[in-house]
């Protein structure tokens, strides 16, 4: 069953542009992972350092595997070094599905 992996990141003002660039780089890489379906990057209108990525995966196993395989990638480390607080990941299913 397809699932959504929703990532929330908060970058302080001076690091917002670098955080967004690193986040975009991560998601360019995700397109090559097995089970990846799509994603959308959302930027908080009132706080450009607050990002949400809503991604869709073929299964939870695919989403979890990509997380494990990518955890030590330089882009993931860069984002983790730029955030104001730890990133959050929420896994969700479509209502009724």
PDB file of N, CA and C in Angstrom:
ATOM      1  N   UNK A   1       0.836  -1.172   0.000  1.00  0.00           N
ATOM      2  CA  UNK A   1       0.000   0.000   0.000  1.00  0.00           C
ATOM      3  C   UNK A   1       0.889   1.245   0.000  1.00  0.00           C
ATOM      4  N   UNK A   2       0.655   2.182  -0.907  1.00  0.00           N
ATOM      5  CA  UNK A   2       1.458   3.419  -0.922  1.00  0.00           C
ATOM      6  C   UNK A   2       1.293   4.199   0.374  1.00  0.00           C
ATOM      7  N   UNK A   3       2.362   4.833   0.797  1.00  0.00           N
ATOM      8  CA  UNK A   3       2.332   5.649   2.011  1.00  0.00           C
ATOM      9  C   UNK A   3       2.972   7.007   1.728  1.00  0.00           C
ATOM     10  N   UNK A   4       2.723   7.919   2.629  1.00  0.00           N
ATOM     11  CA  UNK A   4       3.331   9.242   2.574  1.00  0.00           C
ATOM     12  C   UNK A   4       4.361   9.342   3.687  1.00  0.00           C
ATOM     13  N   UNK A   5       5.512   9.876   3.360  1.00  0.00           N
ATOM     14  CA  UNK A   5       6.515  10.240   4.359  1.00  0.00           C
ATOM     15  C   UNK A   5       6.585  11.762   4.326  1.00  0.00           C
ATOM     16  N   UNK A   6       6.250  12.376   5.440  1.00  0.00           N
ATOM     17  CA  UNK A   6       6.197  13.831   5.524  1.00  0.00           C
ATOM     18  C   UNK A   6       7.330  14.290   6.428  1.00  0.00           C
ATOM     19  N   UNK A   7       8.202  15.106   5.867  1.00  0.00           N
ATOM     20  CA  UNK A   7       9.361  15.614   6.609  1.00  0.00           C
ATOM     21  C   UNK A   7       9.146  17.083   6.929  1.00  0.00           C
ATOM     22  N   UNK A   8       9.451  17.461   8.164  1.00  0.00           N
ATOM     23  CA  UNK A   8       9.382  18.858   8.576  1.00  0.00           C
ATOM     24  C   UNK A   8      10.770  19.296   9.031  1.00  0.00           C
ATOM     25  N   UNK A   9      11.208  20.418   8.476  1.00  0.00           N
ATOM     26  CA  UNK A   9      12.515  20.986   8.835  1.00  0.00           C
ATOM     27  C   UNK A   9      12.340  22.468   9.126  1.00  0.00           C
ATOM     28  N   UNK A  10      13.101  22.949  10.100  1.00  0.00           N
ATOM     29  CA  UNK A  10      13.103  24.380  10.423  1.00  0.00           C
ATOM     30  C   UNK A  10      14.547  24.874  10.414  1.00  0.00           C
ATOM     31  N   UNK A  11      14.789  25.823   9.519  1.00  0.00           N
ATOM     32  CA  UNK A  11      16.115  26.421   9.393  1.00  0.00           C
ATOM     33  C   UNK A  11      16.045  27.872   9.841  1.00  0.00           C
ATOM     34  N   UNK A  12      16.976  28.312  10.689  1.00  0.00           N
ATOM     35  CA  UNK A  12      16.973  29.716  11.094  1.00  0.00           C
ATOM     36  C   UNK A  12      17.239  30.620   9.888  1.00  0.00           C
ATOM     37  N   UNK A  13      16.738  31.847   9.958  1.00  0.00           N
ATOM     38  CA  UNK A  13      16.821  32.809   8.855  1.00  0.00           C
ATOM     39  C   UNK A  13      18.115  32.810   8.059  1.00  0.00           C
ATOM     40  N   UNK A  14      19.272  32.952   8.711  1.00  0.00           N
ATOM     41  CA  UNK A  14      20.521  33.018   7.953  1.00  0.00           C
ATOM     42  C   UNK A  14      20.872  31.712   7.230  1.00  0.00           C
ATOM     43  N   UNK A  15      20.268  30.603   7.662  1.00  0.00           N
ATOM     44  CA  UNK A  15      20.575  29.308   7.041  1.00  0.00           C
ATOM     45  C   UNK A  15      19.430  28.775   6.191  1.00  0.00           C
ATOM     46  N   UNK A  16      18.379  29.588   6.026  1.00  0.00           N
ATOM     47  CA  UNK A  16      17.193  29.125   5.301  1.00  0.00           C
ATOM     48  C   UNK A  16      17.516  28.749   3.845  1.00  0.00           C
ATOM     49  N   UNK A  17      18.267  29.579   3.152  1.00  0.00           N
ATOM     50  CA  UNK A  17      18.577  29.299   1.740  1.00  0.00           C
ATOM     51  C   UNK A  17      19.442  28.046   1.609  1.00  0.00           C
ATOM     52  N   UNK A  18      20.437  27.915   2.464  1.00  0.00           N
ATOM     53  CA  UNK A  18      21.302  26.729   2.410  1.00  0.00           C
ATOM     54  C   UNK A  18      20.512  25.472   2.789  1.00  0.00           C
ATOM     55  N   UNK A  19      19.617  25.602   3.760  1.00  0.00           N
ATOM     56  CA  UNK A  19      18.790  24.470   4.159  1.00  0.00           C
ATOM     57  C   UNK A  19      17.867  24.021   3.046  1.00  0.00           C
ATOM     58  N   UNK A  20      17.278  24.984   2.362  1.00  0.00           N
ATOM     59  CA  UNK A  20      16.401  24.635   1.238  1.00  0.00           C
ATOM     60  C   UNK A  20      17.198  23.968   0.128  1.00  0.00           C
ATOM     61  N   UNK A  21      18.377  24.493  -0.190  1.00  0.00           N
ATOM     62  CA  UNK A  21      19.209  23.904  -1.244  1.00  0.00           C
ATOM     63  C   UNK A  21      19.600  22.468  -0.900  1.00  0.00           C
ATOM     64  N   UNK A  22      19.977  22.228   0.348  1.00  0.00           N
ATOM     65  CA  UNK A  22      20.353  20.873   0.761  1.00  0.00           C
ATOM     66  C   UNK A  22      19.137  19.941   0.730  1.00  0.00           C
ATOM     67  N   UNK A  23      17.978  20.451   1.131  1.00  0.00           N
ATOM     68  CA  UNK A  23      16.751  19.658   1.079  1.00  0.00           C
ATOM     69  C   UNK A  23      16.407  19.299  -0.362  1.00  0.00           C
ATOM     70  N   UNK A  24      16.520  20.243  -1.261  1.00  0.00           N
ATOM     71  CA  UNK A  24      16.256  19.975  -2.681  1.00  0.00           C
ATOM     72  C   UNK A  24      17.221  18.926  -3.220  1.00  0.00           C
ATOM     73  N   UNK A  25      18.474  18.986  -2.793  1.00  0.00           N
ATOM     74  CA  UNK A  25      19.470  18.000  -3.238  1.00  0.00           C
ATOM     75  C   UNK A  25      19.100  16.598  -2.750  1.00  0.00           C
ATOM     76  N   UNK A  26      18.649  16.492  -1.510  1.00  0.00           N
ATOM     77  CA  UNK A  26      18.214  15.191  -0.986  1.00  0.00           C
ATOM     78  C   UNK A  26      17.122  14.618  -1.863  1.00  0.00           C
ATOM     79  N   UNK A  27      16.148  15.435  -2.187  1.00  0.00           N
ATOM     80  CA  UNK A  27      14.993  14.914  -2.912  1.00  0.00           C
ATOM     81  C   UNK A  27      15.280  14.668  -4.389  1.00  0.00           C
ATOM     82  N   UNK A  28      16.276  15.312  -4.939  1.00  0.00           N
ATOM     83  CA  UNK A  28      16.731  14.914  -6.292  1.00  0.00           C
ATOM     84  C   UNK A  28      17.302  13.505  -6.228  1.00  0.00           C
ATOM     85  N   UNK A  29      18.031  13.203  -5.156  1.00  0.00           N
ATOM     86  CA  UNK A  29      18.599  11.868  -4.986  1.00  0.00           C
ATOM     87  C   UNK A  29      17.527  10.808  -4.740  1.00  0.00           C
ATOM     88  N   UNK A  30      16.483  11.160  -4.011  1.00  0.00           N
ATOM     89  CA  UNK A  30      15.444  10.184  -3.659  1.00  0.00           C
ATOM     90  C   UNK A  30      14.764   9.593  -4.899  1.00  0.00           C
ATOM     91  N   UNK A  31      14.743  10.332  -5.994  1.00  0.00           N
ATOM     92  CA  UNK A  31      14.059   9.843  -7.192  1.00  0.00           C
ATOM     93  C   UNK A  31      14.680   8.561  -7.725  1.00  0.00           C
ATOM     94  N   UNK A  32      15.907   8.255  -7.348  1.00  0.00           N
ATOM     95  CA  UNK A  32      16.566   7.034  -7.830  1.00  0.00           C
ATOM     96  C   UNK A  32      16.337   5.836  -6.903  1.00  0.00           C
ATOM     97  N   UNK A  33      15.682   6.032  -5.765  1.00  0.00           N
ATOM     98  CA  UNK A  33      15.461   4.940  -4.827  1.00  0.00           C
ATOM     99  C   UNK A  33      14.275   4.088  -5.254  1.00  0.00           C
ATOM    100  N   UNK A  34      14.435   2.789  -5.074  1.00  0.00           N
ATOM    101  CA  UNK A  34      13.352   1.856  -5.367  1.00  0.00           C
ATOM    102  C   UNK A  34      12.140   2.199  -4.497  1.00  0.00           C
ATOM    103  N   UNK A  35      10.980   2.228  -5.105  1.00  0.00           N
ATOM    104  CA  UNK A  35       9.746   2.497  -4.380  1.00  0.00           C
ATOM    105  C   UNK A  35       9.369   3.961  -4.290  1.00  0.00           C
ATOM    106  N   UNK A  36      10.270   4.860  -4.688  1.00  0.00           N
ATOM    107  CA  UNK A  36       9.952   6.293  -4.699  1.00  0.00           C
ATOM    108  C   UNK A  36       8.881   6.541  -5.755  1.00  0.00           C
ATOM    109  N   UNK A  37       7.868   7.322  -5.406  1.00  0.00           N
ATOM    110  CA  UNK A  37       6.821   7.662  -6.374  1.00  0.00           C
ATOM    111  C   UNK A  37       6.830   9.144  -6.729  1.00  0.00           C
ATOM    112  N   UNK A  38       6.814  10.007  -5.727  1.00  0.00           N
ATOM    113  CA  UNK A  38       6.777  11.443  -5.993  1.00  0.00           C
ATOM    114  C   UNK A  38       7.026  12.212  -4.697  1.00  0.00           C
ATOM    115  N   UNK A  39       7.273  13.506  -4.836  1.00  0.00           N
ATOM    116  CA  UNK A  39       7.368  14.362  -3.654  1.00  0.00           C
ATOM    117  C   UNK A  39       7.026  15.792  -4.047  1.00  0.00           C
ATOM    118  N   UNK A  40       6.721  16.567  -3.024  1.00  0.00           N
ATOM    119  CA  UNK A  40       6.509  17.996  -3.215  1.00  0.00           C
ATOM    120  C   UNK A  40       7.132  18.721  -2.032  1.00  0.00           C
ATOM    121  N   UNK A  41       7.880  19.772  -2.331  1.00  0.00           N
ATOM    122  CA  UNK A  41       8.497  20.603  -1.305  1.00  0.00           C
ATOM    123  C   UNK A  41       7.596  21.809  -1.071  1.00  0.00           C
ATOM    124  N   UNK A  42       7.198  22.002   0.172  1.00  0.00           N
ATOM    125  CA  UNK A  42       6.339  23.123   0.544  1.00  0.00           C
ATOM    126  C   UNK A  42       7.114  24.064   1.451  1.00  0.00           C
ATOM    127  N   UNK A  43       6.988  25.373   1.185  1.00  0.00           N
ATOM    128  CA  UNK A  43       7.675  26.401   1.965  1.00  0.00           C
ATOM    129  C   UNK A  43       6.628  27.233   2.695  1.00  0.00           C
ATOM    130  N   UNK A  44       6.784  27.381   3.996  1.00  0.00           N
ATOM    131  CA  UNK A  44       5.892  28.202   4.814  1.00  0.00           C
ATOM    132  C   UNK A  44       5.953  29.643   4.304  1.00  0.00           C
ATOM    133  N   UNK A  45       4.822  30.194   3.941  1.00  0.00           N
ATOM    134  CA  UNK A  45       4.773  31.553   3.388  1.00  0.00           C
ATOM    135  C   UNK A  45       5.279  32.583   4.382  1.00  0.00           C
ATOM    136  N   UNK A  46       5.002  32.366   5.660  1.00  0.00           N
ATOM    137  CA  UNK A  46       5.395  33.336   6.683  1.00  0.00           C
ATOM    138  C   UNK A  46       6.772  33.078   7.280  1.00  0.00           C
ATOM    139  N   UNK A  47       7.338  31.928   6.996  1.00  0.00           N
ATOM    140  CA  UNK A  47       8.640  31.554   7.551  1.00  0.00           C
ATOM    141  C   UNK A  47       9.378  30.698   6.528  1.00  0.00           C
ATOM    142  N   UNK A  48      10.145  31.314   5.614  1.00  0.00           N
ATOM    143  CA  UNK A  48      10.795  30.561   4.536  1.00  0.00           C
ATOM    144  C   UNK A  48      11.791  29.503   4.996  1.00  0.00           C
ATOM    145  N   UNK A  49      12.162  29.516   6.269  1.00  0.00           N
ATOM    146  CA  UNK A  49      13.047  28.489   6.797  1.00  0.00           C
ATOM    147  C   UNK A  49      12.299  27.259   7.293  1.00  0.00           C
ATOM    148  N   UNK A  50      10.978  27.296   7.215  1.00  0.00           N
ATOM    149  CA  UNK A  50      10.142  26.175   7.651  1.00  0.00           C
ATOM    150  C   UNK A  50       9.677  25.425   6.402  1.00  0.00           C
ATOM    151  N   UNK A  51      10.187  24.196   6.233  1.00  0.00           N
ATOM    152  CA  UNK A  51       9.891  23.400   5.045  1.00  0.00           C
ATOM    153  C   UNK A  51       9.156  22.124   5.405  1.00  0.00           C
ATOM    154  N   UNK A  52       8.289  21.720   4.508  1.00  0.00           N
ATOM    155  CA  UNK A  52       7.655  20.406   4.577  1.00  0.00           C
ATOM    156  C   UNK A  52       7.908  19.715   3.248  1.00  0.00           C
ATOM    157  N   UNK A  53       8.252  18.465   3.311  1.00  0.00           N
ATOM    158  CA  UNK A  53       8.344  17.646   2.104  1.00  0.00           C
ATOM    159  C   UNK A  53       7.311  16.543   2.270  1.00  0.00           C
ATOM    160  N   UNK A  54       6.412  16.473   1.317  1.00  0.00           N
ATOM    161  CA  UNK A  54       5.401  15.416   1.307  1.00  0.00           C
ATOM    162  C   UNK A  54       5.800  14.473   0.181  1.00  0.00           C
ATOM    163  N   UNK A  55       6.251  13.283   0.574  1.00  0.00           N
ATOM    164  CA  UNK A  55       6.702  12.316  -0.423  1.00  0.00           C
ATOM    165  C   UNK A  55       5.781  11.105  -0.402  1.00  0.00           C
ATOM    166  N   UNK A  56       5.750  10.418  -1.514  1.00  0.00           N
ATOM    167  CA  UNK A  56       4.910   9.226  -1.619  1.00  0.00           C
ATOM    168  C   UNK A  56       5.797   8.063  -2.035  1.00  0.00           C
ATOM    169  N   UNK A  57       5.611   6.943  -1.348  1.00  0.00           N
ATOM    170  CA  UNK A  57       6.419   5.749  -1.557  1.00  0.00           C
ATOM    171  C   UNK A  57       5.503   4.553  -1.804  1.00  0.00           C
ATOM    172  N   UNK A  58       6.016   3.553  -2.505  1.00  0.00           N
ATOM    173  CA  UNK A  58       5.237   2.356  -2.799  1.00  0.00           C
ATOM    174  C   UNK A  58       4.852   1.605  -1.525  1.00  0.00           C
ATOM    175  N   UNK A  59       5.691   1.686  -0.491  1.00  0.00           N
ATOM    176  CA  UNK A  59       5.400   1.008   0.769  1.00  0.00           C
ATOM    177  C   UNK A  59       6.223   1.643   1.884  1.00  0.00           C
ATOM    178  N   UNK A  60       5.856   1.323   3.089  1.00  0.00           N
ATOM    179  CA  UNK A  60       6.626   1.779   4.243  1.00  0.00           C
ATOM    180  C   UNK A  60       8.043   1.215   4.180  1.00  0.00           C
ATOM    181  N   UNK A  61       8.154  -0.023   3.769  1.00  0.00           N
ATOM    182  CA  UNK A  61       9.473  -0.650   3.679  1.00  0.00           C
ATOM    183  C   UNK A  61      10.392   0.142   2.749  1.00  0.00           C
ATOM    184  N   UNK A  62       9.871   0.604   1.623  1.00  0.00           N
ATOM    185  CA  UNK A  62      10.682   1.409   0.705  1.00  0.00           C
ATOM    186  C   UNK A  62      11.110   2.727   1.354  1.00  0.00           C
ATOM    187  N   UNK A  63      10.171   3.393   2.023  1.00  0.00           N
ATOM    188  CA  UNK A  63      10.492   4.665   2.683  1.00  0.00           C
ATOM    189  C   UNK A  63      11.530   4.459   3.781  1.00  0.00           C
ATOM    190  N   UNK A  64      11.348   3.415   4.577  1.00  0.00           N
ATOM    191  CA  UNK A  64      12.291   3.137   5.665  1.00  0.00           C
ATOM    192  C   UNK A  64      13.675   2.763   5.128  1.00  0.00           C
ATOM    193  N   UNK A  65      13.707   1.980   4.065  1.00  0.00           N
ATOM    194  CA  UNK A  65      14.991   1.573   3.491  1.00  0.00           C
ATOM    195  C   UNK A  65      15.759   2.783   2.963  1.00  0.00           C
ATOM    196  N   UNK A  66      15.056   3.691   2.284  1.00  0.00           N
ATOM    197  CA  UNK A  66      15.729   4.888   1.766  1.00  0.00           C
ATOM    198  C   UNK A  66      16.305   5.710   2.914  1.00  0.00           C
ATOM    199  N   UNK A  67      15.564   5.798   4.011  1.00  0.00           N
ATOM    200  CA  UNK A  67      16.038   6.530   5.182  1.00  0.00           C
ATOM    201  C   UNK A  67      17.320   5.900   5.725  1.00  0.00           C
ATOM    202  N   UNK A  68      17.334   4.592   5.869  1.00  0.00           N
ATOM    203  CA  UNK A  68      18.531   3.901   6.381  1.00  0.00           C
ATOM    204  C   UNK A  68      19.721   4.089   5.445  1.00  0.00           C
ATOM    205  N   UNK A  69      19.496   3.918   4.148  1.00  0.00           N
ATOM    206  CA  UNK A  69      20.595   3.991   3.193  1.00  0.00           C
ATOM    207  C   UNK A  69      21.153   5.404   3.031  1.00  0.00           C
ATOM    208  N   UNK A  70      20.322   6.407   3.272  1.00  0.00           N
ATOM    209  CA  UNK A  70      20.722   7.789   3.005  1.00  0.00           C
ATOM    210  C   UNK A  70      21.176   8.527   4.267  1.00  0.00           C
ATOM    211  N   UNK A  71      21.028   7.939   5.412  1.00  0.00           N
ATOM    212  CA  UNK A  71      21.256   8.631   6.684  1.00  0.00           C
ATOM    213  C   UNK A  71      22.628   9.294   6.801  1.00  0.00           C
ATOM    214  N   UNK A  72      23.659   8.672   6.248  1.00  0.00           N
ATOM    215  CA  UNK A  72      25.016   9.223   6.375  1.00  0.00           C
ATOM    216  C   UNK A  72      25.488   9.944   5.118  1.00  0.00           C
ATOM    217  N   UNK A  73      24.609  10.141   4.165  1.00  0.00           N
ATOM    218  CA  UNK A  73      24.969  10.858   2.936  1.00  0.00           C
ATOM    219  C   UNK A  73      25.329  12.307   3.292  1.00  0.00           C
ATOM    220  N   UNK A  74      26.269  12.913   2.585  1.00  0.00           N
ATOM    221  CA  UNK A  74      26.645  14.303   2.881  1.00  0.00           C
ATOM    222  C   UNK A  74      25.473  15.289   2.856  1.00  0.00           C
ATOM    223  N   UNK A  75      24.504  15.097   1.979  1.00  0.00           N
ATOM    224  CA  UNK A  75      23.347  16.003   1.953  1.00  0.00           C
ATOM    225  C   UNK A  75      22.518  15.872   3.229  1.00  0.00           C
ATOM    226  N   UNK A  76      22.334  14.658   3.704  1.00  0.00           N
ATOM    227  CA  UNK A  76      21.581  14.445   4.943  1.00  0.00           C
ATOM    228  C   UNK A  76      22.332  15.050   6.127  1.00  0.00           C
ATOM    229  N   UNK A  77      23.631  14.861   6.161  1.00  0.00           N
ATOM    230  CA  UNK A  77      24.424  15.457   7.247  1.00  0.00           C
ATOM    231  C   UNK A  77      24.375  16.980   7.189  1.00  0.00           C
ATOM    232  N   UNK A  78      24.424  17.539   5.973  1.00  0.00           N
ATOM    233  CA  UNK A  78      24.369  19.001   5.827  1.00  0.00           C
ATOM    234  C   UNK A  78      23.054  19.551   6.370  1.00  0.00           C
ATOM    235  N   UNK A  79      21.946  18.920   5.997  1.00  0.00           N
ATOM    236  CA  UNK A  79      20.645  19.380   6.497  1.00  0.00           C
ATOM    237  C   UNK A  79      20.606  19.280   8.016  1.00  0.00           C
ATOM    238  N   UNK A  80      21.068  18.169   8.559  1.00  0.00           N
ATOM    239  CA  UNK A  80      21.040  17.995  10.006  1.00  0.00           C
ATOM    240  C   UNK A  80      21.894  19.036  10.728  1.00  0.00           C
ATOM    241  N   UNK A  81      22.950  19.500  10.089  1.00  0.00           N
ATOM    242  CA  UNK A  81      23.803  20.528  10.690  1.00  0.00           C
ATOM    243  C   UNK A  81      23.208  21.930  10.574  1.00  0.00           C
ATOM    244  N   UNK A  82      22.280  22.123   9.651  1.00  0.00           N
ATOM    245  CA  UNK A  82      21.703  23.450   9.411  1.00  0.00           C
ATOM    246  C   UNK A  82      20.408  23.703  10.174  1.00  0.00           C
ATOM    247  N   UNK A  83      19.687  22.659  10.558  1.00  0.00           N
ATOM    248  CA  UNK A  83      18.378  22.848  11.185  1.00  0.00           C
ATOM    249  C   UNK A  83      18.482  23.471  12.573  1.00  0.00           C
ATOM    250  N   UNK A  84      17.418  24.157  12.955  1.00  0.00           N
ATOM    251  CA  UNK A  84      17.344  24.764  14.281  1.00  0.00           C
ATOM    252  C   UNK A  84      16.931  23.746  15.337  1.00  0.00           C
ATOM    253  N   UNK A  85      16.282  22.680  14.897  1.00  0.00           N
ATOM    254  CA  UNK A  85      15.823  21.599  15.778  1.00  0.00           C
ATOM    255  C   UNK A  85      15.812  20.330  14.940  1.00  0.00           C
ATOM    256  N   UNK A  86      15.818  19.175  15.555  1.00  0.00           N
ATOM    257  CA  UNK A  86      15.838  17.940  14.756  1.00  0.00           C
ATOM    258  C   UNK A  86      14.653  17.860  13.793  1.00  0.00           C
ATOM    259  N   UNK A  87      14.926  17.359  12.599  1.00  0.00           N
ATOM    260  CA  UNK A  87      13.859  17.166  11.619  1.00  0.00           C
ATOM    261  C   UNK A  87      12.896  16.102  12.114  1.00  0.00           C
ATOM    262  N   UNK A  88      11.654  16.205  11.656  1.00  0.00           N
ATOM    263  CA  UNK A  88      10.646  15.213  12.031  1.00  0.00           C
ATOM    264  C   UNK A  88      10.148  14.508  10.779  1.00  0.00           C
ATOM    265  N   UNK A  89       9.906  13.209  10.912  1.00  0.00           N
ATOM    266  CA  UNK A  89       9.317  12.429   9.828  1.00  0.00           C
ATOM    267  C   UNK A  89       8.038  11.796  10.350  1.00  0.00           C
ATOM    268  N   UNK A  90       6.987  11.948   9.585  1.00  0.00           N
ATOM    269  CA  UNK A  90       5.701  11.350   9.900  1.00  0.00           C
ATOM    270  C   UNK A  90       5.343  10.428   8.744  1.00  0.00           C
ATOM    271  N   UNK A  91       4.941   9.210   9.037  1.00  0.00           N
ATOM    272  CA  UNK A  91       4.454   8.301   8.009  1.00  0.00           C
ATOM    273  C   UNK A  91       2.938   8.289   8.091  1.00  0.00           C
ATOM    274  N   UNK A  92       2.293   8.366   6.927  1.00  0.00           N
ATOM    275  CA  UNK A  92       0.841   8.440   6.898  1.00  0.00           C
ATOM    276  C   UNK A  92       0.288   7.670   5.714  1.00  0.00           C
ATOM    277  N   UNK A  93      -0.961   7.285   5.864  1.00  0.00           N
ATOM    278  CA  UNK A  93      -1.694   6.633   4.768  1.00  0.00           C
ATOM    279  C   UNK A  93      -2.879   7.523   4.429  1.00  0.00           C
ATOM    280  N   UNK A  94      -3.330   7.434   3.185  1.00  0.00           N
ATOM    281  CA  UNK A  94      -4.494   8.192   2.781  1.00  0.00           C
ATOM    282  C   UNK A  94      -5.710   7.699   3.569  1.00  0.00           C
ATOM    283  N   UNK A  95      -6.544   8.605   4.012  1.00  0.00           N
ATOM    284  CA  UNK A  95      -7.751   8.227   4.742  1.00  0.00           C
ATOM    285  C   UNK A  95      -8.611   7.340   3.849  1.00  0.00           C
ATOM    286  N   UNK A  96      -9.085   6.260   4.412  1.00  0.00           N
ATOM    287  CA  UNK A  96      -9.906   5.345   3.637  1.00  0.00           C
ATOM    288  C   UNK A  96      -9.093   4.369   2.817  1.00  0.00           C
ATOM    289  N   UNK A  97      -7.754   4.480   2.865  1.00  0.00           N
ATOM    290  CA  UNK A  97      -6.933   3.598   2.062  1.00  0.00           C
ATOM    291  C   UNK A  97      -5.995   2.881   2.907  1.00  0.00           C
TER     292      UNK A  97
END
